[in-house]
Every structure is written in structure tokens, then in C-alpha cells.
């Protein structure tokens, strides 16, 4: 059985990370989202164990003490983290796991799980990124400028990633991510011992 790959996907706000991840999961049966854990309360329509694992602050801190996260952070009053056991269970079962996360979180993952596959999603241009953010109709001009400034900071981390994918066309970008997944599963280092054992059995 092949071992699953942890796909760490980052990119600026408005670049279309979520749309790409959703499209990849629609196209590939063996790819699933990583489910994060949080201490915030569920919002309307959110389901425990599907959108997030919703826990108390005491439970979250207990998991920190047990080294139970690949990464975690406190955002304002609430904790968010990536449960290690849940990801490892899926990878061991041969399932590829997508973790959509910001650059800071990705760097923490790289320290704790360097064998992950790190993919950065780029916009075709900053002009196009601005248009996409404006198109959402949720941000003021000052917030848009702030997001663009943050985008440049995040893009400066691109040399820490293994691959970059430009999201000019959604389907093409998703197909490029799928090509990366397939290439990673063809790495000699991923399959060599299984291949050798298989040939030994056939002698």
C-alpha cells in the first residue's frame, strides 16, 4: 500500500487556494482535507469533526502538552491547530492529506514534518489579485491595500516551498497540483522498498 502525502498549500488571500483544494478533492478520490482543531464555538451550519474538531481550551492545552499538533497558534482569543494523530492515520492508510495554511503555519509544519509537499499558489499578477479581492465585495479600500501588502510578504516565502502553481485558470491550476501529487508518488524514495520487496516475492 502506498503511503499518503501531506500537501501543505499556501498563498495570499484571494488567490483561490480554497477553490483549488476543493477542485483537487473533487477530481481525486484519494485526497482529503486535514481537519483542524479549535477552541472557538461552531458557527451556523458547522459540524464537529467535519469542519473542525471543536474542543475546550483545557482539551487543546492538553494536546499541546502531549505534542499532539503538527502546528498550532493562538488567533485573538482562540486556539487553532492541526492534530497530528488524525493526519498520520490518514497518511498511513494511503490517503493524501491537504492542509491549507498560511506561510507562518507552513514553516512550523516544515520543522515538525519536513517530508511534507509544500506548494505555493501564486496569482497571475498583483493587478489580478487586487481585482479578485475587490470582486468579493467584502473589503474596504484600506483593507484591500493591507491584504496586498500581506500578499507580498507571503510571496517572499516562496523559496521555502517545493513547488509553485499560478492560478490563472482554476481547472488548470488544480490539474497542476494533481500532477505534483502524482510526481511525488513516483519518487524513488517513496516506493523503493515496496518495489524491492515485491520483486523478491516474485523470485
N, C-alpha and C. Protein backbone atom coordinates (compact mmCIF):
# COMPACT_ATOMS: atom_id res chain seq x y z
N UNK A 1 0.85 -1.20 0.00
CA UNK A 1 0.00 0.00 0.00
C UNK A 1 0.88 1.25 0.00
N UNK A 2 0.56 2.21 -0.84
CA UNK A 2 1.34 3.44 -0.88
C UNK A 2 1.06 4.26 0.37
N UNK A 3 2.06 5.03 0.76
CA UNK A 3 1.89 5.93 1.89
C UNK A 3 1.35 7.25 1.37
N UNK A 4 0.41 7.84 2.11
CA UNK A 4 -0.15 9.11 1.70
C UNK A 4 0.87 10.23 1.83
N UNK A 5 0.61 11.34 1.17
CA UNK A 5 1.49 12.50 1.21
C UNK A 5 0.74 13.68 1.83
N UNK A 6 1.42 14.42 2.69
CA UNK A 6 0.85 15.63 3.28
C UNK A 6 1.15 16.80 2.35
N UNK A 7 0.10 17.41 1.82
CA UNK A 7 0.23 18.51 0.87
C UNK A 7 -0.07 19.81 1.60
N UNK A 8 0.97 20.62 1.81
CA UNK A 8 0.83 21.87 2.53
C UNK A 8 0.70 22.99 1.50
N UNK A 9 -0.48 23.61 1.46
CA UNK A 9 -0.79 24.59 0.41
C UNK A 9 -1.00 25.98 1.01
N UNK A 10 -0.23 26.93 0.51
CA UNK A 10 -0.30 28.31 0.98
C UNK A 10 -0.43 29.26 -0.20
N UNK A 11 -0.74 30.50 0.12
CA UNK A 11 -0.83 31.54 -0.91
C UNK A 11 -1.57 32.73 -0.35
N UNK A 12 -1.47 33.88 -1.00
CA UNK A 12 -2.11 35.09 -0.49
C UNK A 12 -3.63 34.99 -0.43
N UNK A 13 -4.22 35.80 0.42
CA UNK A 13 -5.67 35.90 0.48
C UNK A 13 -6.21 36.34 -0.87
N UNK A 14 -7.23 35.64 -1.37
CA UNK A 14 -7.84 35.98 -2.65
C UNK A 14 -7.25 35.27 -3.84
N UNK A 15 -6.20 34.46 -3.62
CA UNK A 15 -5.54 33.79 -4.74
C UNK A 15 -6.32 32.57 -5.23
N UNK A 16 -7.25 32.06 -4.42
CA UNK A 16 -8.06 30.92 -4.84
C UNK A 16 -7.59 29.59 -4.30
N UNK A 17 -6.90 29.58 -3.16
CA UNK A 17 -6.40 28.34 -2.57
C UNK A 17 -7.54 27.36 -2.29
N UNK A 18 -8.59 27.89 -1.65
CA UNK A 18 -9.71 27.02 -1.28
C UNK A 18 -10.38 26.41 -2.49
N UNK A 19 -10.55 27.19 -3.55
CA UNK A 19 -11.19 26.69 -4.77
C UNK A 19 -10.35 25.60 -5.42
N UNK A 20 -9.03 25.79 -5.42
CA UNK A 20 -8.13 24.79 -5.99
C UNK A 20 -8.20 23.50 -5.18
N UNK A 21 -8.11 23.62 -3.85
CA UNK A 21 -8.17 22.44 -2.99
C UNK A 21 -9.48 21.67 -3.19
N UNK A 22 -10.57 22.40 -3.24
CA UNK A 22 -11.88 21.77 -3.44
C UNK A 22 -11.93 21.04 -4.78
N UNK A 23 -11.38 21.66 -5.82
CA UNK A 23 -11.39 21.05 -7.15
C UNK A 23 -10.52 19.80 -7.17
N UNK A 24 -9.37 19.83 -6.51
CA UNK A 24 -8.49 18.66 -6.45
C UNK A 24 -9.20 17.49 -5.77
N UNK A 25 -9.88 17.78 -4.67
CA UNK A 25 -10.60 16.73 -3.94
C UNK A 25 -11.76 16.18 -4.77
N UNK A 26 -12.41 17.04 -5.55
CA UNK A 26 -13.48 16.57 -6.44
C UNK A 26 -12.94 15.63 -7.52
N UNK A 27 -11.73 15.92 -8.01
CA UNK A 27 -11.16 15.15 -9.12
C UNK A 27 -10.44 13.88 -8.65
N UNK A 28 -9.94 13.89 -7.43
CA UNK A 28 -9.13 12.78 -6.93
C UNK A 28 -9.82 12.11 -5.74
N UNK A 29 -10.06 10.80 -5.85
CA UNK A 29 -10.76 10.08 -4.79
C UNK A 29 -9.91 9.91 -3.53
N UNK A 30 -8.60 9.91 -3.70
CA UNK A 30 -7.71 9.54 -2.60
C UNK A 30 -7.11 10.75 -1.89
N UNK A 31 -7.77 11.90 -1.99
CA UNK A 31 -7.27 13.13 -1.36
C UNK A 31 -8.35 13.67 -0.43
N UNK A 32 -7.95 14.03 0.79
CA UNK A 32 -8.89 14.57 1.77
C UNK A 32 -8.29 15.79 2.45
N UNK A 33 -9.17 16.61 3.04
CA UNK A 33 -8.73 17.76 3.82
C UNK A 33 -8.21 17.31 5.19
N UNK A 34 -7.25 18.05 5.70
CA UNK A 34 -6.90 17.94 7.11
C UNK A 34 -7.94 18.73 7.90
N UNK A 35 -8.44 18.16 8.98
CA UNK A 35 -9.43 18.86 9.81
C UNK A 35 -8.72 19.46 11.01
N UNK A 36 -8.84 20.76 11.17
CA UNK A 36 -8.17 21.46 12.26
C UNK A 36 -8.98 21.37 13.55
N UNK A 37 -8.29 21.63 14.65
CA UNK A 37 -8.94 21.69 15.96
C UNK A 37 -8.97 23.14 16.42
N UNK A 38 -10.06 23.55 17.06
CA UNK A 38 -10.16 24.92 17.53
C UNK A 38 -10.94 25.00 18.84
N UNK A 39 -10.67 26.08 19.57
CA UNK A 39 -11.41 26.31 20.81
C UNK A 39 -12.57 27.26 20.62
N UNK A 40 -12.75 27.80 19.41
CA UNK A 40 -13.90 28.68 19.19
C UNK A 40 -15.18 27.86 19.05
N UNK A 41 -16.31 28.52 19.21
CA UNK A 41 -17.60 27.84 19.10
C UNK A 41 -17.96 27.62 17.64
N UNK A 42 -18.73 26.56 17.34
CA UNK A 42 -19.17 26.33 15.95
C UNK A 42 -20.05 27.47 15.46
N UNK A 43 -19.88 27.84 14.19
CA UNK A 43 -20.76 28.81 13.56
C UNK A 43 -21.96 28.07 12.97
N UNK A 44 -22.95 28.80 12.55
CA UNK A 44 -24.16 28.18 11.99
C UNK A 44 -23.79 27.27 10.82
N UNK A 45 -24.25 26.03 10.89
CA UNK A 45 -24.01 25.07 9.81
C UNK A 45 -22.75 24.27 9.94
N UNK A 46 -21.85 24.65 10.86
CA UNK A 46 -20.60 23.90 11.02
C UNK A 46 -20.83 22.63 11.84
N UNK A 47 -20.13 21.56 11.45
CA UNK A 47 -20.32 20.25 12.08
C UNK A 47 -19.01 19.81 12.72
N UNK A 48 -19.08 19.38 13.97
CA UNK A 48 -17.90 18.90 14.68
C UNK A 48 -17.35 17.66 13.99
N UNK A 49 -16.05 17.64 13.74
CA UNK A 49 -15.43 16.50 13.07
C UNK A 49 -15.48 16.58 11.57
N UNK A 50 -16.16 17.60 11.06
CA UNK A 50 -16.25 17.77 9.60
C UNK A 50 -15.63 19.11 9.18
N UNK A 51 -16.05 20.19 9.83
CA UNK A 51 -15.45 21.49 9.56
C UNK A 51 -14.22 21.71 10.45
N UNK A 52 -14.40 21.42 11.73
CA UNK A 52 -13.34 21.49 12.73
C UNK A 52 -13.62 20.44 13.80
N UNK A 53 -12.60 20.17 14.61
CA UNK A 53 -12.81 19.49 15.88
C UNK A 53 -12.95 20.61 16.91
N UNK A 54 -14.15 20.78 17.47
CA UNK A 54 -14.40 21.85 18.43
C UNK A 54 -14.15 21.32 19.84
N UNK A 55 -13.21 21.94 20.55
CA UNK A 55 -12.84 21.46 21.88
C UNK A 55 -12.73 22.62 22.85
N UNK A 56 -12.61 22.30 24.13
CA UNK A 56 -12.40 23.32 25.16
C UNK A 56 -10.94 23.75 25.16
N UNK A 57 -10.67 24.88 25.79
CA UNK A 57 -9.29 25.35 25.90
C UNK A 57 -8.46 24.36 26.70
N UNK A 58 -9.07 23.74 27.71
CA UNK A 58 -8.36 22.77 28.53
C UNK A 58 -7.93 21.57 27.69
N UNK A 59 -8.83 21.07 26.85
CA UNK A 59 -8.51 19.94 25.98
C UNK A 59 -7.41 20.32 24.99
N UNK A 60 -7.49 21.52 24.44
CA UNK A 60 -6.48 21.96 23.46
C UNK A 60 -5.10 22.03 24.13
N UNK A 61 -5.04 22.63 25.32
CA UNK A 61 -3.76 22.76 26.02
C UNK A 61 -3.21 21.39 26.40
N UNK A 62 -4.10 20.46 26.70
CA UNK A 62 -3.67 19.09 27.00
C UNK A 62 -3.00 18.46 25.77
N UNK A 63 -3.56 18.71 24.59
CA UNK A 63 -2.97 18.19 23.35
C UNK A 63 -1.62 18.83 23.07
N UNK A 64 -1.48 20.13 23.38
CA UNK A 64 -0.19 20.80 23.23
C UNK A 64 0.85 20.12 24.11
N UNK A 65 0.48 19.85 25.35
CA UNK A 65 1.40 19.22 26.30
C UNK A 65 1.83 17.84 25.85
N UNK A 66 0.96 17.15 25.12
CA UNK A 66 1.26 15.80 24.63
C UNK A 66 1.93 15.81 23.26
N UNK A 67 2.30 17.01 22.77
CA UNK A 67 2.89 17.16 21.43
C UNK A 67 1.94 16.60 20.37
N UNK A 68 0.67 16.95 20.54
CA UNK A 68 -0.36 16.38 19.67
C UNK A 68 -0.65 17.16 18.40
N UNK A 69 0.11 18.23 18.13
CA UNK A 69 -0.14 19.04 16.94
C UNK A 69 1.08 19.09 16.03
N UNK A 70 0.81 19.11 14.73
CA UNK A 70 1.87 19.40 13.77
C UNK A 70 2.22 20.88 13.83
N UNK A 71 1.21 21.71 14.09
CA UNK A 71 1.39 23.14 14.31
C UNK A 71 0.16 23.64 15.05
N UNK A 72 0.35 24.74 15.77
CA UNK A 72 -0.80 25.37 16.43
C UNK A 72 -0.49 26.84 16.66
N UNK A 73 -1.53 27.63 16.83
CA UNK A 73 -1.35 29.07 17.05
C UNK A 73 -2.57 29.60 17.79
N UNK A 74 -2.36 30.72 18.46
CA UNK A 74 -3.47 31.42 19.09
C UNK A 74 -3.81 32.63 18.23
N UNK A 75 -5.05 32.72 17.80
CA UNK A 75 -5.51 33.83 16.98
C UNK A 75 -6.56 34.58 17.77
N UNK A 76 -6.19 35.79 18.21
CA UNK A 76 -7.05 36.57 19.11
C UNK A 76 -7.33 35.75 20.37
N UNK A 77 -8.58 35.37 20.63
CA UNK A 77 -8.89 34.68 21.89
C UNK A 77 -8.93 33.17 21.74
N UNK A 78 -8.75 32.64 20.54
CA UNK A 78 -8.96 31.22 20.31
C UNK A 78 -7.71 30.52 19.77
N UNK A 79 -7.64 29.23 20.06
CA UNK A 79 -6.54 28.39 19.56
C UNK A 79 -6.99 27.65 18.31
N UNK A 80 -6.04 27.46 17.40
CA UNK A 80 -6.25 26.63 16.21
C UNK A 80 -5.03 25.74 16.04
N UNK A 81 -5.25 24.51 15.60
CA UNK A 81 -4.11 23.62 15.40
C UNK A 81 -4.43 22.46 14.48
N UNK A 82 -3.38 21.80 14.00
CA UNK A 82 -3.51 20.63 13.12
C UNK A 82 -3.19 19.38 13.91
N UNK A 83 -4.21 18.58 14.28
CA UNK A 83 -3.96 17.39 15.09
C UNK A 83 -3.07 16.38 14.36
N UNK A 84 -2.01 15.98 15.02
CA UNK A 84 -1.03 15.08 14.42
C UNK A 84 -1.60 13.69 14.17
N UNK A 85 -2.30 13.14 15.16
CA UNK A 85 -2.78 11.75 15.06
C UNK A 85 -3.72 11.56 13.88
N UNK A 86 -4.63 12.53 13.67
CA UNK A 86 -5.60 12.44 12.58
C UNK A 86 -4.91 12.41 11.23
N UNK A 87 -3.90 13.28 11.05
CA UNK A 87 -3.17 13.33 9.79
C UNK A 87 -2.38 12.03 9.58
N UNK A 88 -1.67 11.58 10.61
CA UNK A 88 -0.84 10.39 10.49
C UNK A 88 -1.66 9.14 10.17
N UNK A 89 -2.86 9.07 10.75
CA UNK A 89 -3.74 7.93 10.49
C UNK A 89 -4.13 7.87 9.01
N UNK A 90 -4.45 9.03 8.44
CA UNK A 90 -4.82 9.08 7.02
C UNK A 90 -3.63 8.75 6.12
N UNK A 91 -2.47 9.32 6.45
CA UNK A 91 -1.28 9.05 5.63
C UNK A 91 -0.93 7.57 5.65
N UNK A 92 -1.03 6.94 6.83
CA UNK A 92 -0.73 5.51 6.95
C UNK A 92 -1.70 4.66 6.14
N UNK A 93 -2.92 5.17 5.96
CA UNK A 93 -3.92 4.44 5.18
C UNK A 93 -3.79 4.71 3.69
N UNK A 94 -2.76 5.47 3.30
CA UNK A 94 -2.54 5.74 1.88
C UNK A 94 -3.31 6.92 1.33
N UNK A 95 -3.90 7.72 2.23
CA UNK A 95 -4.69 8.87 1.79
C UNK A 95 -3.80 10.12 1.77
N UNK A 96 -3.87 10.87 0.69
CA UNK A 96 -3.16 12.15 0.61
C UNK A 96 -3.98 13.20 1.36
N UNK A 97 -3.32 14.00 2.17
CA UNK A 97 -4.00 14.97 3.02
C UNK A 97 -3.60 16.39 2.63
N UNK A 98 -4.60 17.22 2.35
CA UNK A 98 -4.37 18.63 2.02
C UNK A 98 -4.51 19.47 3.29
N UNK A 99 -3.49 20.27 3.54
CA UNK A 99 -3.53 21.22 4.65
C UNK A 99 -3.37 22.62 4.06
N UNK A 100 -4.46 23.38 4.04
CA UNK A 100 -4.43 24.75 3.54
C UNK A 100 -4.13 25.67 4.71
N UNK A 101 -2.97 26.36 4.64
CA UNK A 101 -2.50 27.08 5.82
C UNK A 101 -1.64 28.27 5.39
N UNK A 102 -1.51 29.25 6.28
CA UNK A 102 -0.69 30.42 5.94
C UNK A 102 0.79 30.07 6.02
N UNK A 103 1.62 31.02 5.56
CA UNK A 103 3.06 30.73 5.47
C UNK A 103 3.69 30.48 6.84
N UNK A 104 3.23 31.20 7.86
CA UNK A 104 3.78 31.00 9.19
C UNK A 104 3.52 29.58 9.67
N UNK A 105 2.27 29.13 9.51
CA UNK A 105 1.94 27.77 9.90
C UNK A 105 2.69 26.74 9.08
N UNK A 106 2.85 27.02 7.79
CA UNK A 106 3.57 26.10 6.90
C UNK A 106 5.01 25.92 7.35
N UNK A 107 5.64 27.00 7.81
CA UNK A 107 7.03 26.90 8.27
C UNK A 107 7.13 26.06 9.54
N UNK A 108 6.11 26.13 10.39
CA UNK A 108 6.08 25.26 11.58
C UNK A 108 5.93 23.80 11.15
N UNK A 109 5.08 23.56 10.15
CA UNK A 109 4.91 22.20 9.64
C UNK A 109 6.22 21.69 9.07
N UNK A 110 6.94 22.55 8.37
CA UNK A 110 8.21 22.14 7.75
C UNK A 110 9.22 21.69 8.81
N UNK A 111 9.16 22.31 9.97
CA UNK A 111 10.06 21.91 11.06
C UNK A 111 9.66 20.57 11.66
N UNK A 112 8.36 20.36 11.84
CA UNK A 112 7.89 19.14 12.50
C UNK A 112 7.66 17.99 11.54
N UNK A 113 7.44 18.30 10.25
CA UNK A 113 7.14 17.25 9.27
C UNK A 113 7.76 17.64 7.92
N UNK A 114 9.10 17.64 7.83
CA UNK A 114 9.78 18.12 6.62
C UNK A 114 9.50 17.30 5.37
N UNK A 115 8.99 16.07 5.54
CA UNK A 115 8.69 15.25 4.37
C UNK A 115 7.39 15.65 3.68
N UNK A 116 6.71 16.67 4.19
CA UNK A 116 5.52 17.18 3.51
C UNK A 116 5.87 17.77 2.15
N UNK A 117 4.84 17.93 1.32
CA UNK A 117 5.00 18.53 0.00
C UNK A 117 4.45 19.94 0.07
N UNK A 118 5.30 20.94 -0.10
CA UNK A 118 4.93 22.33 0.13
C UNK A 118 4.69 23.03 -1.21
N UNK A 119 3.44 23.48 -1.40
CA UNK A 119 3.00 24.07 -2.67
C UNK A 119 2.50 25.48 -2.43
N UNK A 120 3.04 26.44 -3.18
CA UNK A 120 2.62 27.83 -3.04
C UNK A 120 1.78 28.22 -4.25
N UNK A 121 0.62 28.81 -3.99
CA UNK A 121 -0.28 29.25 -5.06
C UNK A 121 -0.07 30.74 -5.32
N UNK A 122 0.25 31.07 -6.57
CA UNK A 122 0.50 32.45 -6.97
C UNK A 122 -0.64 32.99 -7.83
N UNK A 123 -0.90 34.30 -7.74
CA UNK A 123 -1.84 34.92 -8.69
C UNK A 123 -1.12 35.18 -10.00
N UNK A 124 -1.83 35.35 -11.10
CA UNK A 124 -1.17 35.69 -12.37
C UNK A 124 -0.41 37.01 -12.28
N UNK A 125 -0.93 37.94 -11.46
CA UNK A 125 -0.30 39.24 -11.25
C UNK A 125 -0.93 39.87 -10.02
N UNK A 126 -0.29 40.91 -9.49
CA UNK A 126 -0.87 41.61 -8.35
C UNK A 126 -2.12 42.38 -8.77
N UNK A 127 -2.13 42.82 -10.03
CA UNK A 127 -3.32 43.51 -10.54
C UNK A 127 -4.53 42.58 -10.52
N UNK A 128 -4.31 41.33 -10.95
CA UNK A 128 -5.39 40.35 -10.94
C UNK A 128 -5.80 40.01 -9.52
N UNK A 129 -4.83 39.90 -8.62
CA UNK A 129 -5.15 39.61 -7.22
C UNK A 129 -6.02 40.72 -6.64
N UNK A 130 -5.67 41.97 -6.92
CA UNK A 130 -6.48 43.10 -6.46
C UNK A 130 -7.91 42.98 -6.99
N UNK A 131 -8.05 42.64 -8.28
CA UNK A 131 -9.39 42.52 -8.89
C UNK A 131 -10.20 41.43 -8.21
N UNK A 132 -9.55 40.32 -7.86
CA UNK A 132 -10.26 39.22 -7.21
C UNK A 132 -10.73 39.62 -5.81
N UNK A 133 -9.87 40.33 -5.09
CA UNK A 133 -10.24 40.77 -3.74
C UNK A 133 -11.39 41.77 -3.82
N UNK A 134 -11.30 42.71 -4.76
CA UNK A 134 -12.38 43.69 -4.95
C UNK A 134 -13.67 42.98 -5.33
N UNK A 135 -13.54 41.94 -6.18
CA UNK A 135 -14.71 41.20 -6.66
C UNK A 135 -15.48 40.49 -5.57
N UNK A 136 -14.81 40.21 -4.45
CA UNK A 136 -15.53 39.56 -3.35
C UNK A 136 -16.49 40.52 -2.68
N UNK A 137 -16.22 41.83 -2.81
CA UNK A 137 -17.13 42.84 -2.29
C UNK A 137 -17.26 42.88 -0.79
N UNK A 138 -16.24 42.40 -0.06
CA UNK A 138 -16.33 42.35 1.40
C UNK A 138 -15.35 43.27 2.10
N UNK A 139 -14.43 43.87 1.35
CA UNK A 139 -13.37 44.63 1.99
C UNK A 139 -13.37 46.10 1.55
N UNK A 140 -13.02 46.97 2.48
CA UNK A 140 -12.85 48.38 2.16
C UNK A 140 -11.53 48.58 1.44
N UNK A 141 -11.32 49.76 0.87
CA UNK A 141 -10.08 50.04 0.14
C UNK A 141 -8.87 49.90 1.06
N UNK A 142 -8.99 50.35 2.30
CA UNK A 142 -7.85 50.25 3.23
C UNK A 142 -7.52 48.80 3.54
N UNK A 143 -8.55 47.95 3.68
CA UNK A 143 -8.32 46.53 3.94
C UNK A 143 -7.71 45.86 2.71
N UNK A 144 -8.16 46.25 1.53
CA UNK A 144 -7.60 45.70 0.28
C UNK A 144 -6.10 46.00 0.20
N UNK A 145 -5.72 47.23 0.51
CA UNK A 145 -4.31 47.60 0.48
C UNK A 145 -3.52 46.80 1.51
N UNK A 146 -4.14 46.58 2.67
CA UNK A 146 -3.49 45.78 3.71
C UNK A 146 -3.28 44.35 3.23
N UNK A 147 -4.30 43.77 2.58
CA UNK A 147 -4.20 42.40 2.08
C UNK A 147 -3.12 42.29 1.00
N UNK A 148 -3.01 43.29 0.15
CA UNK A 148 -1.99 43.26 -0.90
C UNK A 148 -0.58 43.35 -0.30
N UNK A 149 -0.45 44.16 0.75
CA UNK A 149 0.84 44.24 1.44
C UNK A 149 1.21 42.92 2.08
N UNK A 150 0.21 42.27 2.71
CA UNK A 150 0.44 40.96 3.31
C UNK A 150 0.77 39.92 2.23
N UNK A 151 0.14 40.07 1.06
CA UNK A 151 0.40 39.13 -0.04
C UNK A 151 1.87 39.17 -0.45
N UNK A 152 2.44 40.36 -0.53
CA UNK A 152 3.86 40.49 -0.90
C UNK A 152 4.76 39.85 0.15
N UNK A 153 4.40 40.00 1.43
CA UNK A 153 5.17 39.37 2.50
C UNK A 153 5.12 37.84 2.36
N UNK A 154 3.92 37.31 2.08
CA UNK A 154 3.79 35.86 1.95
C UNK A 154 4.55 35.33 0.73
N UNK A 155 4.49 36.07 -0.38
CA UNK A 155 5.18 35.65 -1.59
C UNK A 155 6.69 35.58 -1.36
N UNK A 156 7.20 36.38 -0.42
CA UNK A 156 8.64 36.37 -0.13
C UNK A 156 9.10 35.03 0.45
N UNK A 157 8.15 34.20 0.90
CA UNK A 157 8.48 32.88 1.45
C UNK A 157 8.54 31.79 0.37
N UNK A 158 8.34 32.16 -0.88
CA UNK A 158 8.16 31.15 -1.91
C UNK A 158 9.37 30.21 -2.05
N UNK A 159 10.57 30.71 -1.73
CA UNK A 159 11.76 29.86 -1.87
C UNK A 159 11.80 28.76 -0.82
N UNK A 160 10.92 28.81 0.17
CA UNK A 160 10.84 27.77 1.19
C UNK A 160 9.94 26.61 0.75
N UNK A 161 9.27 26.78 -0.39
CA UNK A 161 8.32 25.78 -0.88
C UNK A 161 8.96 24.90 -1.95
N UNK A 162 8.35 23.73 -2.17
CA UNK A 162 8.87 22.80 -3.18
C UNK A 162 8.37 23.12 -4.57
N UNK A 163 7.15 23.62 -4.66
CA UNK A 163 6.51 23.89 -5.96
C UNK A 163 5.73 25.19 -5.88
N UNK A 164 5.52 25.81 -7.03
CA UNK A 164 4.57 26.93 -7.11
C UNK A 164 3.63 26.66 -8.28
N UNK A 165 2.39 27.07 -8.12
CA UNK A 165 1.35 26.91 -9.13
C UNK A 165 0.67 28.26 -9.32
N UNK A 166 0.61 28.74 -10.54
CA UNK A 166 -0.07 30.00 -10.84
C UNK A 166 -1.55 29.72 -11.10
N UNK A 167 -2.41 30.39 -10.35
CA UNK A 167 -3.85 30.19 -10.52
C UNK A 167 -4.41 31.23 -11.50
N UNK A 168 -4.20 30.94 -12.78
CA UNK A 168 -4.77 31.78 -13.83
C UNK A 168 -6.11 31.19 -14.25
N UNK A 169 -6.12 29.86 -14.43
CA UNK A 169 -7.34 29.11 -14.74
C UNK A 169 -7.52 28.05 -13.66
N UNK A 170 -8.69 27.98 -13.03
CA UNK A 170 -8.91 27.11 -11.89
C UNK A 170 -8.66 25.65 -12.21
N UNK A 171 -9.26 25.14 -13.30
CA UNK A 171 -9.09 23.73 -13.64
C UNK A 171 -7.63 23.40 -13.95
N UNK A 172 -6.97 24.30 -14.65
CA UNK A 172 -5.57 24.06 -14.99
C UNK A 172 -4.70 24.06 -13.72
N UNK A 173 -4.99 24.98 -12.80
CA UNK A 173 -4.23 25.03 -11.55
C UNK A 173 -4.45 23.75 -10.74
N UNK A 174 -5.70 23.29 -10.66
CA UNK A 174 -5.99 22.05 -9.94
C UNK A 174 -5.28 20.86 -10.59
N UNK A 175 -5.28 20.81 -11.91
CA UNK A 175 -4.59 19.73 -12.62
C UNK A 175 -3.09 19.77 -12.36
N UNK A 176 -2.53 20.97 -12.23
CA UNK A 176 -1.10 21.09 -11.92
C UNK A 176 -0.79 20.55 -10.54
N UNK A 177 -1.68 20.82 -9.58
CA UNK A 177 -1.49 20.27 -8.24
C UNK A 177 -1.58 18.75 -8.27
N UNK A 178 -2.53 18.22 -9.04
CA UNK A 178 -2.67 16.77 -9.17
C UNK A 178 -1.42 16.16 -9.81
N UNK A 179 -0.84 16.85 -10.78
CA UNK A 179 0.40 16.38 -11.40
C UNK A 179 1.53 16.32 -10.39
N UNK A 180 1.58 17.31 -9.49
CA UNK A 180 2.58 17.30 -8.43
C UNK A 180 2.39 16.10 -7.52
N UNK A 181 1.14 15.83 -7.15
CA UNK A 181 0.83 14.67 -6.30
C UNK A 181 1.32 13.38 -6.97
N UNK A 182 0.99 13.22 -8.25
CA UNK A 182 1.39 12.02 -8.97
C UNK A 182 2.91 11.89 -9.06
N UNK A 183 3.58 13.03 -9.30
CA UNK A 183 5.04 13.02 -9.37
C UNK A 183 5.64 12.62 -8.02
N UNK A 184 5.07 13.12 -6.94
CA UNK A 184 5.59 12.79 -5.61
C UNK A 184 5.45 11.30 -5.31
N UNK A 185 4.37 10.69 -5.78
CA UNK A 185 4.18 9.25 -5.55
C UNK A 185 5.07 8.41 -6.44
N UNK A 186 5.69 9.03 -7.44
CA UNK A 186 6.61 8.30 -8.31
C UNK A 186 8.06 8.46 -7.90
N UNK A 187 8.30 9.23 -6.85
CA UNK A 187 9.66 9.39 -6.37
C UNK A 187 10.23 8.04 -5.95
N UNK A 188 11.45 7.76 -6.34
CA UNK A 188 12.10 6.50 -5.97
C UNK A 188 12.14 6.35 -4.45
N UNK A 189 12.40 7.42 -3.73
CA UNK A 189 12.49 7.34 -2.28
C UNK A 189 11.17 6.95 -1.63
N UNK A 190 10.06 7.18 -2.33
CA UNK A 190 8.75 6.85 -1.77
C UNK A 190 8.41 5.37 -1.96
N UNK A 191 8.92 4.76 -3.00
CA UNK A 191 8.45 3.43 -3.36
C UNK A 191 9.52 2.35 -3.36
N UNK A 192 10.78 2.70 -3.20
CA UNK A 192 11.85 1.76 -3.48
C UNK A 192 11.78 0.48 -2.66
N UNK A 193 11.48 0.57 -1.36
CA UNK A 193 11.48 -0.64 -0.54
C UNK A 193 10.30 -1.54 -0.87
N UNK A 194 9.15 -0.94 -1.16
CA UNK A 194 7.99 -1.75 -1.56
C UNK A 194 8.26 -2.45 -2.89
N UNK A 195 8.91 -1.74 -3.80
CA UNK A 195 9.22 -2.33 -5.11
C UNK A 195 10.19 -3.50 -4.96
N UNK A 196 11.24 -3.30 -4.16
CA UNK A 196 12.24 -4.36 -3.95
C UNK A 196 11.58 -5.59 -3.32
N UNK A 197 10.75 -5.37 -2.29
CA UNK A 197 10.06 -6.49 -1.64
C UNK A 197 9.16 -7.23 -2.61
N UNK A 198 8.47 -6.49 -3.46
CA UNK A 198 7.58 -7.10 -4.43
C UNK A 198 8.35 -8.01 -5.39
N UNK A 199 9.49 -7.53 -5.88
CA UNK A 199 10.28 -8.34 -6.81
C UNK A 199 10.89 -9.53 -6.13
N UNK A 200 11.26 -9.38 -4.86
CA UNK A 200 11.82 -10.52 -4.11
C UNK A 200 10.79 -11.63 -3.99
N UNK A 201 9.54 -11.24 -3.74
CA UNK A 201 8.47 -12.23 -3.57
C UNK A 201 8.21 -13.00 -4.86
N UNK A 202 8.51 -12.37 -6.01
CA UNK A 202 8.22 -13.00 -7.27
C UNK A 202 9.33 -13.93 -7.76
N UNK A 203 10.48 -13.89 -7.06
CA UNK A 203 11.59 -14.77 -7.47
C UNK A 203 11.33 -16.20 -7.01
